[in-house]
């Protein structure tokens, strides 16, 4: 009886040791998994830090590099009075386009009659332009804090400003680059002739080159 009892006790002790080892291993694996998940959650060392369009240059949309002057090889911001702008309201808030249009006019831009965009669900303000008004678009964009530049197939120099829901106010004039200063290109910009699959421009009164 004593021998049989000892064998049962030994087997029981063996099973308990095995269970303890298994539980220890499982606990260690769970602890490691939790640490790794926390590293991804808090983006430690960049883990799991996927760039979104709101933090990429031009909010993830391709833009052309500014056009360089043939005389000195530099791309320069344009005088406001030499730029014609049309402001379109892309939100549900009435009077938005008129208010922004008046503010741009106060900054000596030439403004056309403001209007309403084709949708009222624009999230981020867009500076829309064609290949012949790239530097003008950069100049207009420099007055905004949250706008994205969008090139379409228009041939003239009208700049459309489509107001989006994230718009708050224009940039302080003290922080806007002066006309004639060198343009800071959008990171990752490409040559204008490399811009393809451009969207069709909406109807507008064409603005001739100055």
N, C-alpha and C. Protein backbone atom coordinates (compact mmCIF):
# COMPACT_ATOMS: atom_id res chain seq x y z
N UNK A 1 0.84 -1.21 0.00
CA UNK A 1 0.00 0.00 0.00
C UNK A 1 0.86 1.25 0.00
N UNK A 2 1.95 1.19 0.81
CA UNK A 2 2.81 2.37 0.91
C UNK A 2 3.45 2.68 -0.43
N UNK A 3 3.88 1.60 -1.17
CA UNK A 3 4.52 1.81 -2.47
C UNK A 3 3.53 2.40 -3.47
N UNK A 4 2.30 1.85 -3.49
CA UNK A 4 1.29 2.37 -4.42
C UNK A 4 0.98 3.82 -4.11
N UNK A 5 0.93 4.14 -2.80
CA UNK A 5 0.64 5.53 -2.40
C UNK A 5 1.76 6.45 -2.84
N UNK A 6 3.02 5.99 -2.67
CA UNK A 6 4.15 6.81 -3.05
C UNK A 6 4.15 7.07 -4.56
N UNK A 7 3.77 6.06 -5.36
CA UNK A 7 3.74 6.22 -6.82
C UNK A 7 2.67 7.25 -7.22
N UNK A 8 1.50 7.15 -6.56
CA UNK A 8 0.44 8.13 -6.87
C UNK A 8 0.88 9.54 -6.48
N UNK A 9 1.49 9.66 -5.36
CA UNK A 9 1.96 10.97 -4.89
C UNK A 9 3.02 11.53 -5.84
N UNK A 10 3.90 10.64 -6.31
CA UNK A 10 4.95 11.08 -7.24
C UNK A 10 4.36 11.55 -8.56
N UNK A 11 3.38 10.76 -9.07
CA UNK A 11 2.73 11.17 -10.32
C UNK A 11 2.02 12.52 -10.16
N UNK A 12 1.35 12.68 -9.03
CA UNK A 12 0.65 13.93 -8.76
C UNK A 12 1.63 15.10 -8.71
N UNK A 13 2.75 14.89 -8.06
CA UNK A 13 3.76 15.94 -7.97
C UNK A 13 4.32 16.26 -9.35
N UNK A 14 4.51 15.20 -10.18
CA UNK A 14 5.02 15.39 -11.54
C UNK A 14 4.06 16.23 -12.38
N UNK A 15 2.76 15.88 -12.28
CA UNK A 15 1.75 16.63 -13.02
C UNK A 15 1.73 18.09 -12.59
N UNK A 16 1.83 18.32 -11.29
CA UNK A 16 1.83 19.70 -10.78
C UNK A 16 3.04 20.48 -11.30
N UNK A 17 4.20 19.80 -11.37
CA UNK A 17 5.40 20.47 -11.89
C UNK A 17 5.23 20.81 -13.36
N UNK A 18 4.63 19.90 -14.12
CA UNK A 18 4.39 20.13 -15.55
C UNK A 18 3.44 21.31 -15.75
N UNK A 19 2.38 21.32 -14.94
CA UNK A 19 1.41 22.41 -15.04
C UNK A 19 2.06 23.75 -14.71
N UNK A 20 2.91 23.74 -13.71
CA UNK A 20 3.60 24.96 -13.31
C UNK A 20 4.49 25.49 -14.43
N UNK A 21 5.19 24.55 -15.09
CA UNK A 21 6.06 24.93 -16.21
C UNK A 21 5.24 25.52 -17.36
N UNK A 22 4.11 24.82 -17.69
CA UNK A 22 3.25 25.29 -18.79
C UNK A 22 2.70 26.67 -18.48
N UNK A 23 2.18 26.84 -17.26
CA UNK A 23 1.61 28.15 -16.88
C UNK A 23 2.67 29.24 -16.91
N UNK A 24 3.88 28.90 -16.51
CA UNK A 24 4.97 29.88 -16.52
C UNK A 24 5.29 30.32 -17.95
N UNK A 25 5.35 29.32 -18.85
CA UNK A 25 5.65 29.64 -20.26
C UNK A 25 4.54 30.48 -20.87
N UNK A 26 3.28 30.07 -20.63
CA UNK A 26 2.15 30.83 -21.17
C UNK A 26 2.14 32.25 -20.62
N UNK A 27 2.40 32.39 -19.32
CA UNK A 27 2.43 33.73 -18.72
C UNK A 27 3.51 34.60 -19.32
N UNK A 28 4.69 33.99 -19.58
CA UNK A 28 5.79 34.75 -20.17
C UNK A 28 5.43 35.21 -21.58
N UNK A 29 4.80 34.31 -22.36
CA UNK A 29 4.40 34.66 -23.73
C UNK A 29 3.39 35.80 -23.71
N UNK A 30 2.41 35.72 -22.80
CA UNK A 30 1.40 36.77 -22.70
C UNK A 30 2.02 38.10 -22.30
N UNK A 31 3.00 38.05 -21.39
CA UNK A 31 3.67 39.27 -20.96
C UNK A 31 4.43 39.91 -22.11
N UNK A 32 5.13 39.07 -22.90
CA UNK A 32 5.88 39.59 -24.06
C UNK A 32 4.92 40.19 -25.07
N UNK A 33 3.80 39.49 -25.32
CA UNK A 33 2.81 39.99 -26.28
C UNK A 33 2.26 41.34 -25.83
N UNK A 34 2.03 41.48 -24.52
CA UNK A 34 1.50 42.74 -24.02
C UNK A 34 2.51 43.87 -24.19
N UNK A 35 3.78 43.57 -23.90
CA UNK A 35 4.83 44.58 -24.06
C UNK A 35 4.93 45.04 -25.51
N UNK A 36 4.91 44.06 -26.42
CA UNK A 36 5.00 44.39 -27.85
C UNK A 36 3.81 45.23 -28.29
N UNK A 37 2.61 44.85 -27.84
CA UNK A 37 1.41 45.60 -28.22
C UNK A 37 1.47 47.02 -27.69
N UNK A 38 2.02 47.20 -26.47
CA UNK A 38 2.15 48.55 -25.92
C UNK A 38 3.16 49.37 -26.70
N UNK A 39 4.25 48.72 -27.17
CA UNK A 39 5.23 49.42 -28.00
C UNK A 39 4.58 49.94 -29.27
N UNK A 40 3.73 49.10 -29.89
CA UNK A 40 3.03 49.53 -31.11
C UNK A 40 2.01 50.61 -30.79
N UNK A 41 1.30 50.44 -29.66
CA UNK A 41 0.24 51.39 -29.31
C UNK A 41 0.80 52.79 -29.09
N UNK A 42 1.97 52.85 -28.43
CA UNK A 42 2.57 54.15 -28.14
C UNK A 42 3.61 54.55 -29.18
N UNK A 43 3.72 53.77 -30.26
CA UNK A 43 4.63 54.07 -31.38
C UNK A 43 6.07 54.26 -30.91
N UNK A 44 6.51 53.46 -29.94
CA UNK A 44 7.88 53.56 -29.46
C UNK A 44 8.83 53.18 -30.57
N UNK A 45 9.77 54.07 -30.86
CA UNK A 45 10.73 53.80 -31.93
C UNK A 45 10.10 53.78 -33.30
N UNK A 46 8.87 54.34 -33.42
CA UNK A 46 8.19 54.38 -34.71
C UNK A 46 7.38 53.15 -35.03
N UNK A 47 7.32 52.18 -34.10
CA UNK A 47 6.56 50.96 -34.36
C UNK A 47 5.08 51.27 -34.54
N UNK A 48 4.50 50.76 -35.61
CA UNK A 48 3.09 50.94 -35.84
C UNK A 48 2.69 52.36 -36.19
N UNK A 49 3.69 53.21 -36.43
CA UNK A 49 3.39 54.61 -36.72
C UNK A 49 3.19 54.78 -38.21
N UNK A 50 1.98 54.53 -38.68
CA UNK A 50 1.66 54.61 -40.11
C UNK A 50 1.30 56.04 -40.45
N UNK A 51 1.95 56.60 -41.44
CA UNK A 51 1.67 57.98 -41.82
C UNK A 51 0.28 58.10 -42.43
N UNK A 52 -0.42 59.12 -42.02
CA UNK A 52 -1.72 59.40 -42.61
C UNK A 52 -1.58 60.58 -43.54
N UNK A 53 -2.62 60.80 -44.37
CA UNK A 53 -2.56 61.89 -45.33
C UNK A 53 -2.48 63.25 -44.66
N UNK A 54 -2.89 63.33 -43.39
CA UNK A 54 -2.90 64.61 -42.71
C UNK A 54 -1.53 65.01 -42.19
N UNK A 55 -0.53 64.09 -42.22
CA UNK A 55 0.80 64.45 -41.76
C UNK A 55 1.82 64.36 -42.89
N UNK A 56 1.44 63.87 -44.03
CA UNK A 56 2.33 63.80 -45.16
C UNK A 56 2.36 65.15 -45.87
N UNK A 57 3.44 65.42 -46.63
CA UNK A 57 3.50 66.66 -47.38
C UNK A 57 2.27 66.85 -48.26
N UNK A 58 1.71 68.06 -48.23
CA UNK A 58 0.50 68.37 -49.00
C UNK A 58 -0.61 67.37 -48.72
N UNK A 59 -0.63 66.84 -47.50
CA UNK A 59 -1.68 65.91 -47.06
C UNK A 59 -1.79 64.70 -47.97
N UNK A 60 -0.63 64.24 -48.45
CA UNK A 60 -0.58 63.00 -49.21
C UNK A 60 -0.87 63.15 -50.70
N UNK A 61 -1.08 64.38 -51.17
CA UNK A 61 -1.37 64.58 -52.59
C UNK A 61 -0.14 65.15 -53.30
N UNK A 62 0.09 64.66 -54.50
CA UNK A 62 1.25 65.10 -55.27
C UNK A 62 1.08 66.54 -55.72
N UNK A 63 2.17 67.29 -55.70
CA UNK A 63 2.15 68.69 -56.12
C UNK A 63 3.38 68.97 -56.98
N UNK A 64 3.27 69.93 -57.90
CA UNK A 64 4.43 70.28 -58.73
C UNK A 64 5.37 71.21 -57.99
N UNK A 65 6.62 71.18 -58.37
CA UNK A 65 7.58 72.13 -57.82
C UNK A 65 7.31 73.50 -58.44
N UNK A 66 7.67 74.54 -57.71
CA UNK A 66 7.47 75.90 -58.20
C UNK A 66 8.31 76.14 -59.46
N UNK A 67 7.84 77.05 -60.28
CA UNK A 67 8.51 77.36 -61.55
C UNK A 67 9.66 78.34 -61.32
N UNK A 68 10.85 77.98 -61.79
CA UNK A 68 12.01 78.83 -61.59
C UNK A 68 12.09 79.95 -62.62
N UNK A 69 12.55 81.10 -62.18
CA UNK A 69 12.74 82.25 -63.06
C UNK A 69 13.97 81.99 -63.93
N UNK A 70 13.82 82.25 -65.21
CA UNK A 70 14.93 81.99 -66.14
C UNK A 70 16.12 82.92 -65.90
N UNK A 71 15.87 84.07 -65.27
CA UNK A 71 16.94 85.05 -65.08
C UNK A 71 17.93 84.65 -63.97
N UNK A 72 17.40 84.13 -62.88
CA UNK A 72 18.29 83.78 -61.77
C UNK A 72 18.12 82.34 -61.26
N UNK A 73 17.24 81.59 -61.93
CA UNK A 73 17.06 80.19 -61.56
C UNK A 73 16.34 79.97 -60.24
N UNK A 74 15.63 80.98 -59.75
CA UNK A 74 14.91 80.85 -58.49
C UNK A 74 13.40 80.97 -58.71
N UNK A 75 12.64 80.23 -57.92
CA UNK A 75 11.18 80.33 -57.95
C UNK A 75 10.76 81.32 -56.87
N UNK A 76 9.94 82.29 -57.23
CA UNK A 76 9.62 83.36 -56.29
C UNK A 76 8.12 83.53 -56.08
N UNK A 77 7.77 83.96 -54.86
CA UNK A 77 6.38 84.27 -54.55
C UNK A 77 5.95 85.49 -55.36
N UNK A 78 4.68 85.50 -55.75
CA UNK A 78 4.13 86.52 -56.65
C UNK A 78 3.44 87.61 -55.85
N UNK A 79 3.42 88.82 -56.41
CA UNK A 79 2.68 89.92 -55.79
C UNK A 79 1.20 89.55 -55.73
N UNK A 80 0.56 89.76 -54.59
CA UNK A 80 -0.86 89.42 -54.44
C UNK A 80 -1.73 90.08 -55.49
N UNK A 81 -1.42 91.34 -55.81
CA UNK A 81 -2.26 92.09 -56.75
C UNK A 81 -2.19 91.52 -58.17
N UNK A 82 -1.25 90.62 -58.40
CA UNK A 82 -1.13 90.00 -59.72
C UNK A 82 -1.76 88.61 -59.76
N UNK A 83 -2.53 88.29 -58.73
CA UNK A 83 -3.17 86.97 -58.65
C UNK A 83 -4.67 87.13 -58.53
N UNK A 84 -5.42 86.41 -59.37
CA UNK A 84 -6.88 86.43 -59.31
C UNK A 84 -7.38 85.16 -58.64
N UNK A 85 -8.24 85.36 -57.64
CA UNK A 85 -8.72 84.25 -56.82
C UNK A 85 -10.24 84.21 -56.83
N UNK A 86 -10.78 83.01 -56.86
CA UNK A 86 -12.22 82.81 -56.67
C UNK A 86 -12.40 81.89 -55.48
N UNK A 87 -13.18 82.33 -54.50
CA UNK A 87 -13.39 81.54 -53.29
C UNK A 87 -14.73 80.81 -53.39
N UNK A 88 -14.71 79.49 -53.17
CA UNK A 88 -15.91 78.67 -53.23
C UNK A 88 -16.13 78.00 -51.87
N UNK A 89 -17.36 78.01 -51.43
CA UNK A 89 -17.69 77.42 -50.14
C UNK A 89 -17.93 75.92 -50.27
N UNK A 90 -17.08 75.14 -49.63
CA UNK A 90 -17.23 73.68 -49.67
C UNK A 90 -17.79 73.14 -48.36
N UNK A 91 -18.42 74.02 -47.57
CA UNK A 91 -18.99 73.61 -46.29
C UNK A 91 -20.48 73.94 -46.25
N UNK A 92 -21.11 73.55 -45.15
CA UNK A 92 -22.54 73.83 -44.96
C UNK A 92 -22.79 75.18 -44.31
N UNK A 93 -21.72 75.90 -43.99
CA UNK A 93 -21.86 77.18 -43.30
C UNK A 93 -22.00 78.32 -44.32
N UNK A 94 -23.12 78.95 -44.34
CA UNK A 94 -23.38 80.02 -45.30
C UNK A 94 -22.53 81.25 -44.98
N UNK A 95 -22.12 81.94 -46.02
CA UNK A 95 -21.34 83.17 -45.85
C UNK A 95 -19.85 82.95 -45.69
N UNK A 96 -19.44 81.69 -45.64
CA UNK A 96 -18.03 81.37 -45.45
C UNK A 96 -17.18 81.90 -46.60
N UNK A 97 -17.61 81.65 -47.82
CA UNK A 97 -16.83 82.05 -49.00
C UNK A 97 -16.72 83.57 -49.08
N UNK A 98 -17.79 84.26 -48.78
CA UNK A 98 -17.77 85.72 -48.84
C UNK A 98 -16.79 86.29 -47.83
N UNK A 99 -16.79 85.74 -46.62
CA UNK A 99 -15.90 86.24 -45.57
C UNK A 99 -14.43 86.04 -45.96
N UNK A 100 -14.10 84.86 -46.48
CA UNK A 100 -12.72 84.58 -46.87
C UNK A 100 -12.34 85.42 -48.09
N UNK A 101 -13.26 85.58 -49.01
CA UNK A 101 -13.01 86.39 -50.19
C UNK A 101 -12.68 87.84 -49.80
N UNK A 102 -13.45 88.38 -48.86
CA UNK A 102 -13.21 89.75 -48.38
C UNK A 102 -11.84 89.85 -47.71
N UNK A 103 -11.49 88.82 -46.94
CA UNK A 103 -10.20 88.83 -46.25
C UNK A 103 -9.04 88.80 -47.25
N UNK A 104 -9.19 88.01 -48.31
CA UNK A 104 -8.15 87.96 -49.34
C UNK A 104 -8.07 89.27 -50.12
N UNK A 105 -9.22 89.87 -50.33
CA UNK A 105 -9.24 91.17 -51.01
C UNK A 105 -8.51 92.22 -50.17
N UNK A 106 -8.66 92.13 -48.87
CA UNK A 106 -7.96 93.05 -47.98
C UNK A 106 -6.45 92.87 -48.05
N UNK A 107 -6.05 91.70 -48.53
CA UNK A 107 -4.61 91.43 -48.70
C UNK A 107 -4.17 91.74 -50.14
N UNK A 108 -5.05 92.41 -50.86
CA UNK A 108 -4.77 92.93 -52.22
C UNK A 108 -4.79 91.88 -53.31
N UNK A 109 -5.40 90.71 -53.04
CA UNK A 109 -5.63 89.77 -54.13
C UNK A 109 -6.79 90.29 -54.97
N UNK A 110 -6.78 89.99 -56.26
CA UNK A 110 -7.93 90.26 -57.11
C UNK A 110 -8.92 89.12 -56.91
N UNK A 111 -10.12 89.43 -56.49
CA UNK A 111 -11.08 88.36 -56.19
C UNK A 111 -12.29 88.44 -57.12
N UNK A 112 -12.69 87.28 -57.61
CA UNK A 112 -13.93 87.17 -58.36
C UNK A 112 -15.08 86.97 -57.37
N UNK A 113 -16.29 87.04 -57.87
CA UNK A 113 -17.46 86.84 -57.01
C UNK A 113 -17.40 85.46 -56.39
N UNK A 114 -17.50 85.38 -55.06
CA UNK A 114 -17.45 84.06 -54.40
C UNK A 114 -18.65 83.22 -54.76
N UNK A 115 -18.53 81.91 -54.60
CA UNK A 115 -19.62 81.02 -54.96
C UNK A 115 -19.65 79.77 -54.08
N UNK A 116 -20.41 78.79 -54.54
CA UNK A 116 -20.59 77.54 -53.80
C UNK A 116 -19.95 76.39 -54.57
N UNK A 117 -19.22 75.56 -53.87
CA UNK A 117 -18.58 74.40 -54.50
C UNK A 117 -19.61 73.32 -54.78
N UNK A 118 -19.24 72.32 -55.55
CA UNK A 118 -20.16 71.27 -55.98
C UNK A 118 -20.62 70.36 -54.84
N UNK A 119 -19.91 70.41 -53.71
CA UNK A 119 -20.32 69.64 -52.54
C UNK A 119 -20.07 70.47 -51.29
N UNK A 120 -20.84 70.21 -50.25
CA UNK A 120 -20.67 70.94 -48.98
C UNK A 120 -19.95 70.08 -47.95
N UNK A 121 -19.25 69.04 -48.43
CA UNK A 121 -18.59 68.11 -47.51
C UNK A 121 -17.07 68.10 -47.68
N UNK A 122 -16.51 69.23 -48.07
CA UNK A 122 -15.06 69.33 -48.21
C UNK A 122 -14.45 69.43 -46.81
N UNK A 123 -13.51 68.57 -46.53
CA UNK A 123 -12.90 68.57 -45.19
C UNK A 123 -11.79 69.60 -45.08
N UNK A 124 -10.86 69.57 -46.02
CA UNK A 124 -9.71 70.47 -45.93
C UNK A 124 -9.70 71.44 -47.11
N UNK A 125 -9.39 72.68 -46.82
CA UNK A 125 -9.36 73.72 -47.84
C UNK A 125 -8.42 73.33 -48.98
N UNK A 126 -8.85 73.58 -50.21
CA UNK A 126 -8.04 73.25 -51.38
C UNK A 126 -7.68 74.51 -52.17
N UNK A 127 -6.43 74.59 -52.58
CA UNK A 127 -5.98 75.62 -53.50
C UNK A 127 -5.88 74.95 -54.86
N UNK A 128 -6.80 75.28 -55.76
CA UNK A 128 -6.89 74.59 -57.04
C UNK A 128 -6.38 75.51 -58.15
N UNK A 129 -5.54 74.98 -59.03
CA UNK A 129 -4.82 75.80 -60.00
C UNK A 129 -4.42 74.96 -61.20
N UNK A 130 -3.87 75.63 -62.22
CA UNK A 130 -3.41 74.92 -63.40
C UNK A 130 -1.91 75.06 -63.57
N UNK A 131 -1.38 74.47 -64.63
CA UNK A 131 0.06 74.42 -64.84
C UNK A 131 0.69 75.79 -65.09
N UNK A 132 -0.13 76.77 -65.47
CA UNK A 132 0.40 78.10 -65.76
C UNK A 132 0.29 79.06 -64.58
N UNK A 133 -0.06 78.53 -63.42
CA UNK A 133 -0.19 79.41 -62.24
C UNK A 133 0.34 78.70 -60.99
N UNK A 134 1.42 77.98 -61.14
CA UNK A 134 1.96 77.22 -60.01
C UNK A 134 2.50 78.13 -58.92
N UNK A 135 3.30 79.13 -59.31
CA UNK A 135 3.85 80.05 -58.32
C UNK A 135 2.75 80.88 -57.66
N UNK A 136 1.72 81.22 -58.43
CA UNK A 136 0.57 81.93 -57.86
C UNK A 136 -0.12 81.07 -56.82
N UNK A 137 -0.23 79.77 -57.10
CA UNK A 137 -0.87 78.85 -56.16
C UNK A 137 -0.06 78.73 -54.87
N UNK A 138 1.27 78.64 -55.01
CA UNK A 138 2.13 78.61 -53.83
C UNK A 138 1.94 79.89 -53.01
N UNK A 139 1.79 81.01 -53.69
CA UNK A 139 1.62 82.29 -53.00
C UNK A 139 0.31 82.32 -52.22
N UNK A 140 -0.77 81.89 -52.87
CA UNK A 140 -2.06 81.85 -52.18
C UNK A 140 -2.00 80.88 -51.01
N UNK A 141 -1.40 79.72 -51.24
CA UNK A 141 -1.30 78.70 -50.20
C UNK A 141 -0.54 79.19 -48.98
N UNK A 142 0.42 80.08 -49.19
CA UNK A 142 1.22 80.58 -48.07
C UNK A 142 0.40 81.42 -47.10
N UNK A 143 -0.82 81.80 -47.50
CA UNK A 143 -1.70 82.57 -46.63
C UNK A 143 -2.60 81.68 -45.78
N UNK A 144 -2.54 80.38 -46.00
CA UNK A 144 -3.39 79.43 -45.28
C UNK A 144 -2.55 78.53 -44.40
N UNK A 145 -3.16 78.02 -43.34
CA UNK A 145 -2.44 77.14 -42.42
C UNK A 145 -2.73 75.67 -42.64
N UNK A 146 -3.83 75.36 -43.33
CA UNK A 146 -4.25 73.95 -43.42
C UNK A 146 -4.73 73.55 -44.80
N UNK A 147 -4.28 74.27 -45.83
CA UNK A 147 -4.79 73.99 -47.18
C UNK A 147 -3.89 73.00 -47.91
N UNK A 148 -4.49 72.32 -48.88
CA UNK A 148 -3.74 71.42 -49.75
C UNK A 148 -3.81 71.96 -51.17
N UNK A 149 -2.71 71.79 -51.92
CA UNK A 149 -2.66 72.27 -53.29
C UNK A 149 -3.09 71.15 -54.23
N UNK A 150 -4.04 71.48 -55.11
CA UNK A 150 -4.60 70.49 -56.04
C UNK A 150 -4.53 71.05 -57.46
N UNK A 151 -3.80 70.39 -58.30
CA UNK A 151 -3.64 70.85 -59.69
C UNK A 151 -4.67 70.17 -60.58
N UNK A 152 -5.34 70.96 -61.44
CA UNK A 152 -6.27 70.38 -62.42
C UNK A 152 -5.82 70.76 -63.82
N UNK A 153 -6.66 70.53 -64.82
CA UNK A 153 -6.22 70.71 -66.22
C UNK A 153 -6.49 72.09 -66.79
N UNK A 154 -6.81 73.07 -65.96
CA UNK A 154 -7.06 74.41 -66.48
C UNK A 154 -5.79 75.00 -67.10
N UNK A 155 -5.97 75.82 -68.09
CA UNK A 155 -4.83 76.42 -68.81
C UNK A 155 -4.58 77.86 -68.38
N UNK A 156 -5.56 78.50 -67.75
CA UNK A 156 -5.42 79.91 -67.39
C UNK A 156 -4.84 80.04 -65.98
N UNK A 157 -4.88 81.28 -65.45
CA UNK A 157 -4.21 81.54 -64.18
C UNK A 157 -5.16 81.81 -63.01
N UNK A 158 -6.41 81.48 -63.16
CA UNK A 158 -7.32 81.64 -62.03
C UNK A 158 -6.97 80.62 -60.94
N UNK A 159 -6.98 81.09 -59.69
CA UNK A 159 -6.78 80.21 -58.54
C UNK A 159 -8.11 80.07 -57.81
N UNK A 160 -8.59 78.84 -57.68
CA UNK A 160 -9.80 78.58 -56.89
C UNK A 160 -9.39 78.20 -55.47
N UNK A 161 -10.05 78.83 -54.51
CA UNK A 161 -9.86 78.46 -53.11
C UNK A 161 -11.17 77.83 -52.63
N UNK A 162 -11.14 76.54 -52.39
CA UNK A 162 -12.33 75.82 -51.94
C UNK A 162 -12.24 75.66 -50.42
N UNK A 163 -13.10 76.36 -49.71
CA UNK A 163 -13.03 76.36 -48.25
C UNK A 163 -13.57 75.05 -47.69
N UNK A 164 -12.77 74.43 -46.80
CA UNK A 164 -13.17 73.18 -46.17
C UNK A 164 -13.52 73.37 -44.71
N UNK A 165 -14.03 72.31 -44.10
CA UNK A 165 -14.52 72.38 -42.73
C UNK A 165 -13.42 72.66 -41.71
N UNK A 166 -12.16 72.31 -42.02
CA UNK A 166 -11.08 72.52 -41.06
C UNK A 166 -10.57 73.95 -41.06
N UNK A 167 -11.04 74.78 -41.99
CA UNK A 167 -10.56 76.16 -42.06
C UNK A 167 -10.92 76.92 -40.80
N UNK A 168 -9.95 77.66 -40.28
CA UNK A 168 -10.19 78.47 -39.09
C UNK A 168 -9.99 79.95 -39.40
N UNK A 169 -8.79 80.28 -39.83
CA UNK A 169 -8.49 81.67 -40.17
C UNK A 169 -7.27 81.70 -41.08
N UNK A 170 -7.04 82.85 -41.71
CA UNK A 170 -5.86 83.00 -42.55
C UNK A 170 -4.62 83.14 -41.67
N UNK A 171 -3.49 82.79 -42.24
CA UNK A 171 -2.23 82.93 -41.52
C UNK A 171 -1.94 84.41 -41.26
N UNK A 172 -1.35 84.71 -40.14
CA UNK A 172 -0.96 86.08 -39.81
C UNK A 172 -0.07 86.63 -40.92
N UNK A 173 -0.36 87.84 -41.36
CA UNK A 173 0.41 88.43 -42.47
C UNK A 173 1.90 88.52 -42.16
N UNK A 174 2.24 88.61 -40.88
CA UNK A 174 3.65 88.69 -40.50
C UNK A 174 4.38 87.38 -40.78
N UNK A 175 3.62 86.29 -40.91
CA UNK A 175 4.22 84.99 -41.15
C UNK A 175 4.13 84.55 -42.61
N UNK A 176 3.55 85.41 -43.45
CA UNK A 176 3.40 85.10 -44.87
C UNK A 176 4.66 85.57 -45.61
N UNK A 177 5.28 84.73 -46.44
CA UNK A 177 6.49 85.13 -47.17
C UNK A 177 6.23 86.37 -48.04
N UNK A 178 7.21 87.20 -48.15
CA UNK A 178 7.08 88.42 -48.95
C UNK A 178 7.18 88.11 -50.43
N UNK A 179 6.49 88.91 -51.23
CA UNK A 179 6.58 88.75 -52.68
C UNK A 179 8.02 88.94 -53.12
N UNK A 180 8.46 88.09 -54.03
CA UNK A 180 9.84 88.17 -54.51
C UNK A 180 10.80 87.27 -53.75
N UNK A 181 10.39 86.79 -52.57
CA UNK A 181 11.26 85.87 -51.83
C UNK A 181 11.16 84.48 -52.46
N UNK A 182 12.15 83.67 -52.18
CA UNK A 182 12.21 82.35 -52.82
C UNK A 182 11.16 81.41 -52.23
N UNK A 183 10.49 80.71 -53.11
CA UNK A 183 9.44 79.78 -52.70
C UNK A 183 10.03 78.53 -52.06
N UNK A 184 9.41 78.11 -50.97
CA UNK A 184 9.76 76.84 -50.35
C UNK A 184 8.87 75.76 -50.96
N UNK A 185 9.48 74.87 -51.73
CA UNK A 185 8.70 73.83 -52.40
C UNK A 185 8.10 72.85 -51.41
N UNK A 186 6.97 72.28 -51.78
CA UNK A 186 6.38 71.20 -51.00
C UNK A 186 7.30 69.99 -51.10
N UNK A 187 7.59 69.39 -49.98
CA UNK A 187 8.47 68.22 -49.96
C UNK A 187 7.92 67.12 -50.86
N UNK A 188 8.78 66.59 -51.69
CA UNK A 188 8.37 65.51 -52.59
C UNK A 188 7.73 65.99 -53.87
N UNK A 189 7.81 67.30 -54.15
CA UNK A 189 7.20 67.84 -55.37
C UNK A 189 7.87 67.26 -56.61
N UNK A 190 7.16 67.34 -57.74
CA UNK A 190 7.69 66.82 -59.00
C UNK A 190 7.57 67.92 -60.06
N UNK A 191 8.27 67.74 -61.16
CA UNK A 191 8.17 68.70 -62.26
C UNK A 191 6.73 68.74 -62.77
N UNK A 192 6.30 69.93 -63.18
CA UNK A 192 4.91 70.11 -63.61
C UNK A 192 4.52 69.15 -64.72
N UNK A 193 5.46 68.88 -65.63
CA UNK A 193 5.12 68.00 -66.75
C UNK A 193 5.02 66.53 -66.34
N UNK A 194 5.34 66.26 -65.09
CA UNK A 194 5.22 64.89 -64.57
C UNK A 194 3.87 64.68 -63.88
N UNK A 195 3.11 65.74 -63.75
CA UNK A 195 1.79 65.63 -63.13
C UNK A 195 0.83 65.04 -64.16
N UNK A 196 0.26 63.90 -63.85
CA UNK A 196 -0.62 63.21 -64.80
C UNK A 196 -1.98 62.95 -64.17
N UNK A 197 -2.91 62.52 -65.00
CA UNK A 197 -4.27 62.20 -64.55
C UNK A 197 -4.91 63.35 -63.77
N UNK A 198 -4.76 64.54 -64.32
CA UNK A 198 -5.30 65.72 -63.66
C UNK A 198 -6.82 65.75 -63.78
N UNK A 199 -7.48 66.21 -62.72
CA UNK A 199 -8.93 66.30 -62.76
C UNK A 199 -9.36 67.44 -63.67
N UNK A 200 -10.57 67.35 -64.16
CA UNK A 200 -11.08 68.37 -65.07
C UNK A 200 -11.44 69.62 -64.28
N UNK A 201 -11.05 70.77 -64.80
CA UNK A 201 -11.34 72.02 -64.12
C UNK A 201 -12.83 72.37 -64.22
N UNK A 202 -13.40 72.94 -63.17
CA UNK A 202 -14.81 73.38 -63.23
C UNK A 202 -14.94 74.60 -64.13
N UNK A 203 -16.13 74.90 -64.51
CA UNK A 203 -16.35 76.08 -65.36
C UNK A 203 -15.96 77.34 -64.60
N UNK A 204 -15.31 78.26 -65.33
CA UNK A 204 -14.91 79.52 -64.72
C UNK A 204 -14.56 80.52 -65.78
N UNK A 205 -14.52 81.78 -65.40
CA UNK A 205 -14.09 82.84 -66.30
C UNK A 205 -12.56 82.81 -66.34
N UNK A 206 -12.03 82.52 -67.51
CA UNK A 206 -10.59 82.36 -67.63
C UNK A 206 -9.85 83.66 -67.33
N UNK A 207 -8.71 83.53 -66.68
CA UNK A 207 -7.86 84.67 -66.36
C UNK A 207 -6.60 84.56 -67.19
N UNK A 208 -6.35 85.56 -68.01
CA UNK A 208 -5.19 85.51 -68.91
C UNK A 208 -3.90 85.76 -68.14
N UNK A 209 -2.80 85.35 -68.75
CA UNK A 209 -1.50 85.54 -68.14
C UNK A 209 -1.14 87.02 -68.09
N UNK A 210 -0.44 87.38 -67.01
CA UNK A 210 -0.04 88.78 -66.83
C UNK A 210 1.23 89.07 -67.62
